[in-house]
Amino acid sequence: MMKRCCNCKEEKPLDEFYRARTRKDGRATVCKQCSKELSAEWIALHPEKVAIYSRQKYERHTEAHQASTRRWVKKHPERVKELHRISESSRRARKRDQFVEKIDPMIVYSRDEGLCGICDTTVYGEFHIDHVVPLSKGGEHSYANVQLAHPSCNLSKGANIMNAMITKYQSVEHAEVLSPDEQARIEKGLRRLGKSSLQEATEAERKQVLDPPSE
């Protein structure tokens, strides 16, 4: 049996319509596809109402929601790690008053066709979203400044950037090489750790000085 959607005007099978007890045929007047599109449009136009409804729904079903979240986290550990990295990148960008755009890792993966932007080979399994221009160097958290990367490639890139900054700082002419902001940030970090130079600091302390966490 076919039914005509009152929105797109197309004839579709009944199973393409959601169930509706109040309708004579037991089906909604709008097809599933149109219903999803109309719902997405409404959500985009009324973010405040959606936030209020979501909060009220959470408060009514807190335990069920938390249980569902725990199940999802347990089932998708790699996705959880990626979301955590994205959240951390956004926080660091906001701290530096840099442009922040909501990044979907799967969109980046699809856009880059599964190729690592650092070594140009295919990425299988776990992956990182790398900032082409690091946040610590003024790069923004946006699609234009991110690329797909192997975890090992991304970590290696981070280590190279850190070593380059250490080299700059330790050079005789570091005052001319480093920017005023870099000098002030490194000197402040060293004073906080009670160190007089980066050579005295451990690797973890160097990372803390060169890319400090949010205070």
N, C-alpha and C. Protein backbone atom coordinates (compact mmCIF):
# COMPACT_ATOMS: atom_id res chain seq x y z
N MET A 1 0.85 -1.19 0.00
CA MET A 1 0.00 0.00 0.00
C MET A 1 0.88 1.24 0.00
N MET A 2 0.49 2.24 -0.79
CA MET A 2 1.27 3.47 -0.92
C MET A 2 0.57 4.63 -0.22
N LYS A 3 1.36 5.64 0.12
CA LYS A 3 0.82 6.82 0.80
C LYS A 3 1.57 8.04 0.28
N ARG A 4 0.86 9.16 0.15
CA ARG A 4 1.46 10.39 -0.38
C ARG A 4 1.90 11.29 0.78
N CYS A 5 3.15 11.68 0.77
CA CYS A 5 3.69 12.57 1.79
C CYS A 5 3.16 13.98 1.55
N CYS A 6 2.63 14.62 2.60
CA CYS A 6 2.08 15.96 2.42
C CYS A 6 3.14 17.04 2.33
N ASN A 7 4.40 16.66 2.54
CA ASN A 7 5.48 17.65 2.45
C ASN A 7 6.20 17.58 1.11
N CYS A 8 6.74 16.41 0.77
CA CYS A 8 7.47 16.27 -0.50
C CYS A 8 6.58 15.86 -1.67
N LYS A 9 5.31 15.48 -1.34
CA LYS A 9 4.31 15.12 -2.36
C LYS A 9 4.63 13.82 -3.11
N GLU A 10 5.54 13.02 -2.56
CA GLU A 10 5.92 11.77 -3.23
C GLU A 10 5.10 10.59 -2.68
N GLU A 11 4.80 9.63 -3.57
CA GLU A 11 4.11 8.41 -3.16
C GLU A 11 5.15 7.42 -2.63
N LYS A 12 4.94 6.94 -1.38
CA LYS A 12 5.90 6.04 -0.76
C LYS A 12 5.18 4.91 -0.02
N PRO A 13 5.88 3.79 0.20
CA PRO A 13 5.28 2.67 0.96
C PRO A 13 4.96 3.12 2.38
N LEU A 14 4.00 2.45 3.01
CA LEU A 14 3.59 2.83 4.36
C LEU A 14 4.73 2.76 5.39
N ASP A 15 5.65 1.81 5.17
CA ASP A 15 6.73 1.69 6.15
C ASP A 15 7.73 2.85 6.08
N GLU A 16 7.52 3.75 5.11
CA GLU A 16 8.34 4.95 5.01
C GLU A 16 7.75 6.09 5.83
N PHE A 17 6.68 5.79 6.59
CA PHE A 17 6.02 6.77 7.45
C PHE A 17 6.02 6.26 8.89
N TYR A 18 6.24 7.16 9.84
CA TYR A 18 6.20 6.76 11.24
C TYR A 18 4.77 6.41 11.65
N ARG A 19 4.64 5.58 12.67
CA ARG A 19 3.32 5.21 13.16
C ARG A 19 2.67 6.40 13.88
N ALA A 20 1.35 6.54 13.73
CA ALA A 20 0.60 7.61 14.38
C ALA A 20 -0.78 7.08 14.75
N ARG A 21 -1.00 6.88 16.04
CA ARG A 21 -2.26 6.29 16.49
C ARG A 21 -3.48 7.13 16.15
N THR A 22 -3.30 8.43 16.06
CA THR A 22 -4.46 9.31 15.82
C THR A 22 -4.91 9.34 14.36
N ARG A 23 -4.11 8.78 13.45
CA ARG A 23 -4.47 8.78 12.03
C ARG A 23 -5.26 7.52 11.67
N LYS A 24 -6.16 7.63 10.74
CA LYS A 24 -7.00 6.50 10.35
C LYS A 24 -6.18 5.33 9.83
N ASP A 25 -5.15 5.63 9.05
CA ASP A 25 -4.32 4.55 8.50
C ASP A 25 -3.19 4.16 9.44
N GLY A 26 -3.11 4.82 10.60
CA GLY A 26 -2.08 4.49 11.58
C GLY A 26 -0.70 5.00 11.24
N ARG A 27 -0.60 5.90 10.26
CA ARG A 27 0.70 6.43 9.84
C ARG A 27 0.68 7.96 9.80
N ALA A 28 1.83 8.57 10.00
CA ALA A 28 1.94 10.03 9.97
C ALA A 28 1.70 10.55 8.56
N THR A 29 1.43 11.83 8.45
CA THR A 29 1.17 12.43 7.13
C THR A 29 2.45 12.81 6.40
N VAL A 30 3.56 12.87 7.16
CA VAL A 30 4.86 13.23 6.57
C VAL A 30 5.77 12.01 6.60
N CYS A 31 6.48 11.75 5.51
CA CYS A 31 7.37 10.59 5.44
C CYS A 31 8.55 10.74 6.41
N LYS A 32 9.23 9.65 6.69
CA LYS A 32 10.33 9.65 7.64
C LYS A 32 11.44 10.62 7.23
N GLN A 33 11.79 10.64 5.95
CA GLN A 33 12.87 11.50 5.48
C GLN A 33 12.53 12.96 5.70
N CYS A 34 11.30 13.35 5.31
CA CYS A 34 10.88 14.74 5.49
C CYS A 34 10.78 15.08 6.97
N SER A 35 10.32 14.11 7.77
CA SER A 35 10.21 14.35 9.21
C SER A 35 11.56 14.64 9.82
N LYS A 36 12.60 13.90 9.41
CA LYS A 36 13.95 14.12 9.93
C LYS A 36 14.47 15.49 9.50
N GLU A 37 14.23 15.86 8.25
CA GLU A 37 14.71 17.15 7.74
C GLU A 37 14.01 18.31 8.44
N LEU A 38 12.69 18.20 8.61
CA LEU A 38 11.93 19.25 9.28
C LEU A 38 12.35 19.38 10.74
N SER A 39 12.61 18.24 11.37
CA SER A 39 13.04 18.24 12.76
C SER A 39 14.40 18.91 12.90
N ALA A 40 15.32 18.61 11.98
CA ALA A 40 16.65 19.22 12.01
C ALA A 40 16.57 20.73 11.83
N GLU A 41 15.68 21.17 10.94
CA GLU A 41 15.50 22.61 10.71
C GLU A 41 14.99 23.29 11.97
N TRP A 42 14.01 22.65 12.63
CA TRP A 42 13.43 23.24 13.83
C TRP A 42 14.46 23.33 14.94
N ILE A 43 15.26 22.28 15.09
CA ILE A 43 16.30 22.27 16.13
C ILE A 43 17.32 23.39 15.88
N ALA A 44 17.70 23.59 14.61
CA ALA A 44 18.66 24.64 14.27
C ALA A 44 18.11 26.03 14.57
N LEU A 45 16.80 26.20 14.42
CA LEU A 45 16.16 27.50 14.63
C LEU A 45 15.83 27.77 16.09
N HIS A 46 15.75 26.72 16.92
CA HIS A 46 15.35 26.89 18.32
C HIS A 46 16.32 26.19 19.28
N PRO A 47 17.61 26.56 19.26
CA PRO A 47 18.59 25.90 20.13
C PRO A 47 18.29 26.07 21.63
N GLU A 48 17.73 27.23 22.02
CA GLU A 48 17.44 27.46 23.44
C GLU A 48 16.36 26.49 23.92
N LYS A 49 15.29 26.34 23.13
CA LYS A 49 14.21 25.42 23.51
C LYS A 49 14.71 23.98 23.56
N VAL A 50 15.58 23.63 22.63
CA VAL A 50 16.13 22.27 22.61
C VAL A 50 16.96 22.01 23.86
N ALA A 51 17.75 23.01 24.26
CA ALA A 51 18.58 22.87 25.45
C ALA A 51 17.72 22.68 26.70
N ILE A 52 16.64 23.46 26.80
CA ILE A 52 15.75 23.36 27.95
C ILE A 52 15.07 21.99 27.98
N TYR A 53 14.59 21.54 26.82
CA TYR A 53 13.92 20.24 26.75
C TYR A 53 14.88 19.11 27.10
N SER A 54 16.11 19.20 26.59
CA SER A 54 17.10 18.16 26.85
C SER A 54 17.42 18.08 28.34
N ARG A 55 17.55 19.25 28.98
CA ARG A 55 17.84 19.29 30.42
C ARG A 55 16.68 18.69 31.22
N GLN A 56 15.45 19.05 30.85
CA GLN A 56 14.28 18.52 31.55
C GLN A 56 14.18 17.00 31.38
N LYS A 57 14.45 16.54 30.17
CA LYS A 57 14.40 15.10 29.91
C LYS A 57 15.46 14.37 30.71
N TYR A 58 16.65 14.96 30.79
CA TYR A 58 17.74 14.35 31.56
C TYR A 58 17.37 14.26 33.03
N GLU A 59 16.76 15.34 33.58
CA GLU A 59 16.39 15.36 34.99
C GLU A 59 15.30 14.33 35.30
N ARG A 60 14.41 14.08 34.33
CA ARG A 60 13.33 13.11 34.54
C ARG A 60 13.85 11.67 34.48
N HIS A 61 14.91 11.46 33.68
CA HIS A 61 15.42 10.09 33.46
C HIS A 61 16.94 10.06 33.68
N THR A 62 17.40 10.64 34.78
CA THR A 62 18.83 10.75 35.03
C THR A 62 19.54 9.39 35.06
N GLU A 63 19.00 8.46 35.83
CA GLU A 63 19.66 7.15 35.96
C GLU A 63 19.72 6.40 34.63
N ALA A 64 18.62 6.44 33.88
CA ALA A 64 18.59 5.75 32.59
C ALA A 64 19.58 6.39 31.62
N HIS A 65 19.67 7.72 31.66
CA HIS A 65 20.59 8.44 30.77
C HIS A 65 22.04 8.10 31.12
N GLN A 66 22.36 8.10 32.41
CA GLN A 66 23.73 7.80 32.83
C GLN A 66 24.11 6.36 32.48
N ALA A 67 23.15 5.45 32.63
CA ALA A 67 23.41 4.05 32.29
C ALA A 67 23.66 3.90 30.79
N SER A 68 22.87 4.62 30.00
CA SER A 68 23.03 4.57 28.54
C SER A 68 24.39 5.15 28.14
N THR A 69 24.79 6.24 28.81
CA THR A 69 26.09 6.87 28.53
C THR A 69 27.23 5.92 28.85
N ARG A 70 27.13 5.24 30.00
CA ARG A 70 28.19 4.29 30.39
C ARG A 70 28.31 3.15 29.38
N ARG A 71 27.17 2.67 28.88
CA ARG A 71 27.19 1.59 27.88
C ARG A 71 27.86 2.08 26.60
N TRP A 72 27.53 3.31 26.19
CA TRP A 72 28.11 3.85 24.95
C TRP A 72 29.61 4.04 25.11
N VAL A 73 30.04 4.58 26.24
CA VAL A 73 31.47 4.79 26.49
C VAL A 73 32.23 3.47 26.47
N LYS A 74 31.66 2.44 27.08
CA LYS A 74 32.30 1.13 27.11
C LYS A 74 32.38 0.52 25.72
N LYS A 75 31.38 0.78 24.89
CA LYS A 75 31.32 0.19 23.56
C LYS A 75 32.18 0.95 22.55
N HIS A 76 32.46 2.24 22.78
CA HIS A 76 33.20 3.06 21.82
C HIS A 76 34.40 3.75 22.48
N PRO A 77 35.38 3.00 23.00
CA PRO A 77 36.53 3.61 23.68
C PRO A 77 37.36 4.53 22.80
N GLU A 78 37.55 4.16 21.52
CA GLU A 78 38.36 4.98 20.63
C GLU A 78 37.67 6.31 20.32
N ARG A 79 36.34 6.24 20.15
CA ARG A 79 35.56 7.45 19.90
C ARG A 79 35.62 8.39 21.10
N VAL A 80 35.58 7.80 22.30
CA VAL A 80 35.67 8.59 23.53
C VAL A 80 37.01 9.31 23.61
N LYS A 81 38.09 8.61 23.26
CA LYS A 81 39.42 9.22 23.27
C LYS A 81 39.49 10.38 22.29
N GLU A 82 38.90 10.19 21.10
CA GLU A 82 38.94 11.24 20.09
C GLU A 82 38.13 12.46 20.53
N LEU A 83 36.97 12.23 21.13
CA LEU A 83 36.14 13.34 21.62
C LEU A 83 36.86 14.09 22.73
N HIS A 84 37.59 13.36 23.56
CA HIS A 84 38.36 13.99 24.63
C HIS A 84 39.46 14.88 24.04
N ARG A 85 40.14 14.38 23.00
CA ARG A 85 41.20 15.17 22.37
C ARG A 85 40.62 16.43 21.74
N ILE A 86 39.44 16.30 21.10
CA ILE A 86 38.81 17.46 20.47
C ILE A 86 38.43 18.50 21.52
N SER A 87 37.86 18.01 22.63
CA SER A 87 37.47 18.91 23.72
C SER A 87 38.68 19.64 24.28
N GLU A 88 39.78 18.93 24.43
CA GLU A 88 41.00 19.53 24.96
C GLU A 88 41.55 20.56 23.98
N SER A 89 41.51 20.26 22.68
CA SER A 89 41.99 21.22 21.68
C SER A 89 41.14 22.48 21.68
N SER A 90 39.83 22.32 21.80
CA SER A 90 38.93 23.47 21.84
C SER A 90 39.21 24.33 23.07
N ARG A 91 39.44 23.67 24.21
CA ARG A 91 39.74 24.40 25.44
C ARG A 91 41.02 25.21 25.30
N ARG A 92 42.05 24.59 24.72
CA ARG A 92 43.33 25.29 24.55
C ARG A 92 43.19 26.46 23.59
N ALA A 93 42.39 26.29 22.53
CA ALA A 93 42.20 27.37 21.57
C ALA A 93 41.44 28.53 22.21
N ARG A 94 40.39 28.21 22.99
CA ARG A 94 39.63 29.28 23.65
C ARG A 94 40.50 30.03 24.65
N LYS A 95 41.39 29.30 25.32
CA LYS A 95 42.28 29.93 26.29
C LYS A 95 43.17 30.97 25.60
N ARG A 96 43.56 30.71 24.38
CA ARG A 96 44.42 31.63 23.64
C ARG A 96 43.61 32.62 22.80
N ASP A 97 42.30 32.66 23.00
CA ASP A 97 41.42 33.57 22.24
C ASP A 97 41.53 33.34 20.74
N GLN A 98 41.70 32.06 20.34
CA GLN A 98 41.78 31.73 18.93
C GLN A 98 40.42 31.23 18.43
N PHE A 99 40.27 31.26 17.10
CA PHE A 99 39.01 30.83 16.48
C PHE A 99 38.76 29.35 16.79
N VAL A 100 37.55 29.02 17.21
CA VAL A 100 37.19 27.65 17.54
C VAL A 100 35.98 27.22 16.73
N GLU A 101 36.12 26.12 15.98
CA GLU A 101 35.04 25.56 15.18
C GLU A 101 34.78 24.14 15.65
N LYS A 102 33.52 23.74 15.70
CA LYS A 102 33.19 22.38 16.12
C LYS A 102 33.65 21.40 15.04
N ILE A 103 34.55 20.50 15.41
CA ILE A 103 35.15 19.56 14.45
C ILE A 103 34.60 18.15 14.65
N ASP A 104 34.11 17.54 13.59
CA ASP A 104 33.66 16.15 13.62
C ASP A 104 34.79 15.29 13.03
N PRO A 105 35.40 14.42 13.82
CA PRO A 105 36.52 13.61 13.36
C PRO A 105 36.20 12.79 12.10
N MET A 106 34.98 12.26 12.01
CA MET A 106 34.63 11.43 10.87
C MET A 106 34.53 12.25 9.58
N ILE A 107 34.16 13.52 9.70
CA ILE A 107 34.13 14.39 8.52
C ILE A 107 35.55 14.62 8.02
N VAL A 108 36.48 14.82 8.96
CA VAL A 108 37.89 15.01 8.59
C VAL A 108 38.43 13.74 7.95
N TYR A 109 38.09 12.58 8.53
CA TYR A 109 38.55 11.29 7.99
C TYR A 109 38.05 11.11 6.56
N SER A 110 36.77 11.42 6.34
CA SER A 110 36.18 11.28 5.00
C SER A 110 36.79 12.29 4.03
N ARG A 111 36.94 13.53 4.48
CA ARG A 111 37.51 14.58 3.63
C ARG A 111 38.92 14.24 3.18
N ASP A 112 39.72 13.70 4.11
CA ASP A 112 41.11 13.36 3.80
C ASP A 112 41.25 11.97 3.19
N GLU A 113 40.10 11.30 2.93
CA GLU A 113 40.07 9.99 2.28
C GLU A 113 40.93 8.96 3.02
N GLY A 114 40.96 9.06 4.36
CA GLY A 114 41.68 8.08 5.16
C GLY A 114 43.19 8.15 5.07
N LEU A 115 43.74 9.25 4.53
CA LEU A 115 45.19 9.39 4.39
C LEU A 115 45.77 10.29 5.47
N CYS A 116 46.85 9.87 6.07
CA CYS A 116 47.54 10.67 7.07
C CYS A 116 48.15 11.91 6.40
N GLY A 117 47.88 13.08 6.96
CA GLY A 117 48.40 14.31 6.38
C GLY A 117 49.87 14.52 6.63
N ILE A 118 50.47 13.70 7.51
CA ILE A 118 51.89 13.86 7.83
C ILE A 118 52.77 12.92 7.01
N CYS A 119 52.36 11.62 6.92
CA CYS A 119 53.17 10.65 6.17
C CYS A 119 52.53 10.23 4.85
N ASP A 120 51.28 10.67 4.60
CA ASP A 120 50.58 10.41 3.34
C ASP A 120 50.33 8.93 3.08
N THR A 121 50.12 8.16 4.14
CA THR A 121 49.75 6.75 3.97
C THR A 121 48.39 6.52 4.64
N THR A 122 47.74 5.40 4.32
CA THR A 122 46.40 5.12 4.82
C THR A 122 46.39 4.89 6.34
N VAL A 123 45.37 5.44 6.98
CA VAL A 123 45.21 5.30 8.43
C VAL A 123 44.18 4.21 8.72
N TYR A 124 44.57 3.21 9.50
CA TYR A 124 43.66 2.14 9.90
C TYR A 124 43.45 2.20 11.41
N GLY A 125 42.23 1.92 11.85
CA GLY A 125 41.97 1.90 13.29
C GLY A 125 42.00 3.27 13.91
N GLU A 126 42.64 3.37 15.07
CA GLU A 126 42.67 4.62 15.82
C GLU A 126 43.37 5.72 15.01
N PHE A 127 42.86 6.94 15.11
CA PHE A 127 43.49 8.06 14.41
C PHE A 127 43.41 9.33 15.25
N HIS A 128 44.26 10.29 14.92
CA HIS A 128 44.26 11.58 15.58
C HIS A 128 43.82 12.66 14.59
N ILE A 129 43.32 13.77 15.13
CA ILE A 129 43.05 14.96 14.33
C ILE A 129 44.16 15.95 14.67
N ASP A 130 45.04 16.20 13.71
CA ASP A 130 46.23 17.01 13.94
C ASP A 130 46.01 18.45 13.48
N HIS A 131 46.53 19.41 14.24
CA HIS A 131 46.49 20.82 13.83
C HIS A 131 47.72 21.09 12.96
N VAL A 132 47.48 21.49 11.72
CA VAL A 132 48.58 21.76 10.79
C VAL A 132 49.49 22.82 11.39
N VAL A 133 48.92 23.95 11.78
CA VAL A 133 49.65 24.97 12.54
C VAL A 133 49.24 24.77 14.00
N PRO A 134 50.15 24.34 14.87
CA PRO A 134 49.80 24.04 16.26
C PRO A 134 49.11 25.20 16.97
N LEU A 135 48.23 24.87 17.91
CA LEU A 135 47.55 25.91 18.68
C LEU A 135 48.56 26.79 19.41
N SER A 136 49.65 26.17 19.87
CA SER A 136 50.68 26.92 20.60
C SER A 136 51.41 27.91 19.70
N LYS A 137 51.26 27.74 18.37
CA LYS A 137 51.89 28.64 17.42
C LYS A 137 50.88 29.62 16.80
N GLY A 138 49.67 29.66 17.38
CA GLY A 138 48.68 30.60 16.87
C GLY A 138 47.69 30.00 15.90
N GLY A 139 47.78 28.68 15.65
CA GLY A 139 46.84 28.04 14.73
C GLY A 139 45.44 28.00 15.30
N GLU A 140 44.44 28.01 14.44
CA GLU A 140 43.06 27.99 14.90
C GLU A 140 42.51 26.57 14.91
N HIS A 141 41.47 26.34 15.71
CA HIS A 141 40.82 25.03 15.78
C HIS A 141 39.68 25.04 14.77
N SER A 142 40.01 24.74 13.52
CA SER A 142 39.02 24.80 12.44
C SER A 142 39.31 23.71 11.42
N TYR A 143 38.31 23.42 10.56
CA TYR A 143 38.52 22.42 9.51
C TYR A 143 39.67 22.81 8.59
N ALA A 144 39.86 24.11 8.39
CA ALA A 144 40.92 24.57 7.49
C ALA A 144 42.31 24.31 8.06
N ASN A 145 42.39 24.08 9.39
CA ASN A 145 43.70 23.91 10.02
C ASN A 145 43.88 22.53 10.66
N VAL A 146 43.05 21.55 10.28
CA VAL A 146 43.21 20.20 10.83
C VAL A 146 43.38 19.19 9.71
N GLN A 147 43.99 18.07 10.05
CA GLN A 147 44.19 17.00 9.09
C GLN A 147 44.20 15.66 9.83
N LEU A 148 43.91 14.61 9.09
CA LEU A 148 43.94 13.26 9.64
C LEU A 148 45.39 12.86 9.88
N ALA A 149 45.63 12.08 10.94
CA ALA A 149 47.01 11.66 11.22
C ALA A 149 47.05 10.36 12.01
N HIS A 150 48.11 9.56 11.76
CA HIS A 150 48.37 8.41 12.62
C HIS A 150 48.72 8.94 14.01
N PRO A 151 48.33 8.26 15.08
CA PRO A 151 48.71 8.69 16.42
C PRO A 151 50.24 8.86 16.54
N SER A 152 50.99 7.90 15.99
CA SER A 152 52.45 7.96 16.08
C SER A 152 53.01 9.17 15.34
N CYS A 153 52.43 9.48 14.17
CA CYS A 153 52.90 10.64 13.39
C CYS A 153 52.61 11.93 14.13
N ASN A 154 51.43 12.02 14.72
CA ASN A 154 51.05 13.23 15.43
C ASN A 154 51.91 13.45 16.66
N LEU A 155 52.16 12.38 17.42
CA LEU A 155 52.99 12.49 18.61
C LEU A 155 54.43 12.84 18.25
N SER A 156 54.90 12.27 17.13
CA SER A 156 56.25 12.56 16.67
C SER A 156 56.38 14.02 16.26
N LYS A 157 55.34 14.53 15.60
CA LYS A 157 55.33 15.93 15.20
C LYS A 157 55.38 16.83 16.42
N GLY A 158 54.59 16.47 17.46
CA GLY A 158 54.58 17.26 18.69
C GLY A 158 55.95 17.29 19.35
N ALA A 159 56.63 16.13 19.36
CA ALA A 159 57.96 16.04 19.96
C ALA A 159 58.96 16.90 19.19
N ASN A 160 58.85 16.91 17.86
CA ASN A 160 59.76 17.71 17.05
C ASN A 160 59.57 19.20 17.30
N ILE A 161 58.30 19.62 17.46
CA ILE A 161 58.02 21.03 17.73
C ILE A 161 58.61 21.42 19.08
N MET A 162 58.45 20.53 20.08
CA MET A 162 58.98 20.81 21.41
C MET A 162 60.50 20.93 21.38
N ASN A 163 61.15 20.00 20.67
CA ASN A 163 62.61 20.02 20.57
C ASN A 163 63.09 21.28 19.87
N ALA A 164 62.32 21.73 18.86
CA ALA A 164 62.70 22.95 18.14
C ALA A 164 62.64 24.16 19.07
N MET A 165 61.62 24.22 19.92
CA MET A 165 61.51 25.33 20.85
C MET A 165 62.61 25.29 21.88
N ILE A 166 62.96 24.07 22.33
CA ILE A 166 64.05 23.94 23.30
C ILE A 166 65.35 24.41 22.68
N THR A 167 65.57 24.03 21.43
CA THR A 167 66.79 24.43 20.72
C THR A 167 66.85 25.95 20.59
N LYS A 168 65.72 26.55 20.24
CA LYS A 168 65.66 28.01 20.11
C LYS A 168 65.99 28.67 21.45
N TYR A 169 65.40 28.13 22.51
CA TYR A 169 65.60 28.74 23.83
C TYR A 169 67.04 28.61 24.30
N GLN A 170 67.65 27.45 23.99
CA GLN A 170 69.00 27.20 24.47
C GLN A 170 70.07 27.88 23.61
N SER A 171 69.69 28.38 22.43
CA SER A 171 70.67 29.01 21.56
C SER A 171 71.17 30.31 22.18
N VAL A 172 72.38 30.72 21.81
CA VAL A 172 72.97 31.94 22.36
C VAL A 172 72.12 33.15 22.02
N GLU A 173 71.49 33.14 20.83
CA GLU A 173 70.72 34.29 20.37
C GLU A 173 69.24 34.08 20.58
N HIS A 174 68.85 33.26 21.62
CA HIS A 174 67.44 32.94 21.78
C HIS A 174 66.58 34.18 21.99
N ALA A 175 67.14 35.23 22.57
CA ALA A 175 66.35 36.45 22.80
C ALA A 175 65.90 37.07 21.49
N GLU A 176 66.69 36.84 20.41
CA GLU A 176 66.33 37.39 19.10
C GLU A 176 65.44 36.44 18.33
N VAL A 177 65.54 35.12 18.63
CA VAL A 177 64.78 34.11 17.89
C VAL A 177 63.36 33.97 18.41
N LEU A 178 63.22 33.91 19.75
CA LEU A 178 61.90 33.74 20.34
C LEU A 178 61.10 35.04 20.31
N SER A 179 59.80 34.88 20.19
CA SER A 179 58.92 36.03 20.24
C SER A 179 58.80 36.48 21.69
N PRO A 180 58.41 37.72 21.96
CA PRO A 180 58.25 38.19 23.34
C PRO A 180 57.28 37.33 24.13
N ASP A 181 56.20 36.89 23.50
CA ASP A 181 55.22 36.05 24.18
C ASP A 181 55.82 34.72 24.58
N GLU A 182 56.64 34.12 23.67
CA GLU A 182 57.27 32.84 23.97
C GLU A 182 58.26 33.00 25.13
N GLN A 183 59.05 34.07 25.09
CA GLN A 183 60.01 34.31 26.17
C GLN A 183 59.31 34.44 27.52
N ALA A 184 58.24 35.26 27.55
CA ALA A 184 57.52 35.51 28.80
C ALA A 184 56.89 34.22 29.32
N ARG A 185 56.29 33.42 28.42
CA ARG A 185 55.62 32.19 28.83
C ARG A 185 56.62 31.18 29.39
N ILE A 186 57.79 31.03 28.72
CA ILE A 186 58.79 30.08 29.17
C ILE A 186 59.41 30.51 30.50
N GLU A 187 59.72 31.80 30.62
CA GLU A 187 60.32 32.29 31.86
C GLU A 187 59.35 32.16 33.04
N LYS A 188 58.07 32.42 32.80
CA LYS A 188 57.07 32.28 33.86
C LYS A 188 56.95 30.82 34.29
N GLY A 189 56.95 29.90 33.30
CA GLY A 189 56.86 28.48 33.61
C GLY A 189 58.06 27.98 34.39
N LEU A 190 59.24 28.45 34.03
CA LEU A 190 60.46 28.04 34.74
C LEU A 190 60.45 28.54 36.18
N ARG A 191 59.99 29.78 36.37
CA ARG A 191 59.93 30.32 37.74
C ARG A 191 58.96 29.51 38.60
N ARG A 192 57.83 29.10 37.99
CA ARG A 192 56.84 28.32 38.73
C ARG A 192 57.42 26.97 39.17
N LEU A 193 58.29 26.39 38.32
CA LEU A 193 58.90 25.09 38.63
C LEU A 193 60.17 25.22 39.47
N GLY A 194 60.64 26.46 39.66
CA GLY A 194 61.87 26.66 40.42
C GLY A 194 63.10 26.26 39.63
N LYS A 195 63.03 26.36 38.28
CA LYS A 195 64.16 26.01 37.42
C LYS A 195 64.73 27.27 36.79
N SER A 196 66.04 27.22 36.50
CA SER A 196 66.67 28.38 35.87
C SER A 196 66.80 28.22 34.36
N SER A 197 66.68 26.95 33.86
CA SER A 197 66.75 26.70 32.43
C SER A 197 65.99 25.43 32.09
N LEU A 198 65.68 25.25 30.80
CA LEU A 198 64.97 24.06 30.37
C LEU A 198 65.83 22.81 30.53
N GLN A 199 67.16 22.97 30.51
CA GLN A 199 68.04 21.82 30.65
C GLN A 199 67.88 21.16 32.01
N GLU A 200 67.48 21.93 33.02
CA GLU A 200 67.31 21.39 34.36
C GLU A 200 65.98 20.66 34.52
N ALA A 201 65.04 20.90 33.61
CA ALA A 201 63.69 20.34 33.74
C ALA A 201 63.60 18.95 33.14
N THR A 202 62.67 18.14 33.68
CA THR A 202 62.40 16.82 33.10
C THR A 202 61.58 17.01 31.84
N GLU A 203 61.38 15.90 31.08
CA GLU A 203 60.62 15.99 29.84
C GLU A 203 59.18 16.46 30.11
N ALA A 204 58.57 15.93 31.19
CA ALA A 204 57.20 16.31 31.54
C ALA A 204 57.14 17.79 31.91
N GLU A 205 58.17 18.27 32.64
CA GLU A 205 58.20 19.68 33.04
C GLU A 205 58.42 20.58 31.83
N ARG A 206 59.22 20.12 30.86
CA ARG A 206 59.43 20.90 29.64
C ARG A 206 58.13 21.08 28.87
N LYS A 207 57.37 19.98 28.79
CA LYS A 207 56.08 20.06 28.09
C LYS A 207 55.15 21.03 28.83
N GLN A 208 55.18 20.99 30.15
CA GLN A 208 54.33 21.88 30.94
C GLN A 208 54.71 23.35 30.71
N VAL A 209 56.00 23.62 30.56
CA VAL A 209 56.48 24.97 30.34
C VAL A 209 56.15 25.46 28.93
N LEU A 210 56.41 24.58 27.93
CA LEU A 210 56.24 24.99 26.54
C LEU A 210 54.79 25.00 26.09
N ASP A 211 53.94 24.20 26.73
CA ASP A 211 52.52 24.17 26.35
C ASP A 211 51.70 23.96 27.62
N PRO A 212 51.64 24.98 28.48
CA PRO A 212 51.01 24.83 29.79
C PRO A 212 49.52 24.56 29.71
N PRO A 213 48.97 23.77 30.68
CA PRO A 213 47.54 23.50 30.72
C PRO A 213 46.77 24.71 31.18
N SER A 214 45.45 24.66 31.04
CA SER A 214 44.60 25.77 31.47
C SER A 214 44.66 25.91 32.98
N GLU A 215 44.70 27.13 33.45
CA GLU A 215 44.76 27.37 34.88
C GLU A 215 43.36 27.60 35.43
